[in-house]
Amino acid sequence: MNNRVLTAHNVAVGKNSKQTDTANGRAAAFGNDGNMSTCTETTSSDASWEVDLGGVFQIESVIVRGDGTYCLVLKFAF
């Protein structure tokens, strides 16, 4: 049996990220810089954003936040 205690942390912070396009200088890296006051922005209505975690991790939840004007706050639990 595995008795390790795991501490939750954001494994995406500072990792390589990309998006389909960029608007207003808000590049993909702003989406996972760990700063809650920055965000990404695209010009496409069907844009995508992704982050390469650089390894295999057991993910318990994913939270996607928006600025409240144009974006939704999405929360996924696994």
Protein backbone atom coordinates (compact mmCIF):
# COMPACT_ATOMS: atom_id res chain seq x y z
CA MET A 1 0.00 0.00 0.00
CA ASN A 2 1.20 3.50 -0.83
CA ASN A 3 1.17 5.76 2.24
CA ARG A 4 2.68 8.84 0.60
CA VAL A 5 1.09 12.19 1.35
CA LEU A 6 0.82 14.32 -1.76
CA THR A 7 0.61 18.08 -1.69
CA ALA A 8 -1.48 19.61 -4.44
CA HIS A 9 0.24 22.15 -6.62
CA ASN A 10 -0.10 23.65 -10.07
CA VAL A 11 2.08 21.51 -12.33
CA ALA A 12 1.42 23.81 -15.32
CA VAL A 13 3.12 26.94 -13.96
CA GLY A 14 5.99 28.00 -16.19
CA LYS A 15 5.64 25.11 -18.62
CA ASN A 16 5.60 25.56 -22.41
CA SER A 17 2.18 26.62 -23.70
CA LYS A 18 0.72 27.66 -27.02
CA GLN A 19 -2.50 29.01 -28.49
CA THR A 20 -3.95 29.36 -31.98
CA ASP A 21 -3.34 33.12 -32.17
CA THR A 22 -2.69 36.10 -29.90
CA ALA A 23 -4.57 39.36 -29.37
CA ASN A 24 -3.46 42.48 -27.51
CA GLY A 25 -0.07 40.98 -26.62
CA ARG A 26 -1.63 38.42 -24.27
CA ALA A 27 0.44 35.40 -25.28
CA ALA A 28 -0.14 31.79 -24.27
CA ALA A 29 2.46 31.96 -21.47
CA PHE A 30 0.19 34.34 -19.54
CA GLY A 31 -2.27 31.46 -19.13
CA ASN A 32 0.04 29.46 -16.89
CA ASP A 33 2.42 32.00 -15.35
CA GLY A 34 0.91 31.58 -11.88
CA ASN A 35 -0.24 35.21 -11.79
CA MET A 36 -4.01 35.46 -11.34
CA SER A 37 -4.02 39.02 -12.73
CA THR A 38 -2.73 38.00 -16.18
CA CYS A 39 -4.55 36.11 -18.91
CA THR A 40 -4.28 35.05 -22.53
CA GLU A 41 -6.35 36.49 -25.34
CA THR A 42 -7.03 35.33 -28.88
CA THR A 43 -8.80 36.77 -31.89
CA SER A 44 -10.49 33.51 -32.90
CA SER A 45 -13.94 32.50 -31.74
CA ASP A 46 -12.83 28.86 -31.93
CA ALA A 47 -9.36 29.32 -30.42
CA SER A 48 -7.46 26.68 -28.52
CA TRP A 49 -4.80 26.83 -25.81
CA GLU A 50 -2.61 24.00 -24.55
CA VAL A 51 0.20 23.42 -22.11
CA ASP A 52 2.91 20.75 -22.21
CA LEU A 53 3.36 19.55 -18.63
CA GLY A 54 6.67 17.93 -19.57
CA GLY A 55 5.87 14.64 -17.91
CA VAL A 56 3.18 12.31 -16.67
CA PHE A 57 1.18 13.49 -13.68
CA GLN A 58 -1.89 12.28 -11.82
CA ILE A 59 -4.28 15.18 -12.37
CA GLU A 60 -7.04 15.59 -9.81
CA SER A 61 -8.61 18.78 -11.15
CA VAL A 62 -8.28 21.42 -13.84
CA ILE A 63 -9.49 24.98 -13.32
CA VAL A 64 -9.86 27.40 -16.23
CA ARG A 65 -10.55 30.97 -15.21
CA GLY A 66 -11.62 33.96 -17.24
CA ASP A 67 -11.75 37.66 -16.58
CA GLY A 68 -15.52 37.49 -16.14
CA THR A 69 -16.20 39.64 -19.19
CA TYR A 70 -15.81 37.21 -22.07
CA CYS A 71 -14.73 33.98 -20.43
CA LEU A 72 -16.29 31.26 -18.32
CA VAL A 73 -14.78 29.72 -15.24
CA LEU A 74 -14.59 25.99 -15.82
CA LYS A 75 -13.73 23.40 -13.20
CA PHE A 76 -13.06 19.75 -13.94
CA ALA A 77 -12.55 17.07 -11.32
CA PHE A 78 -11.14 13.66 -12.18
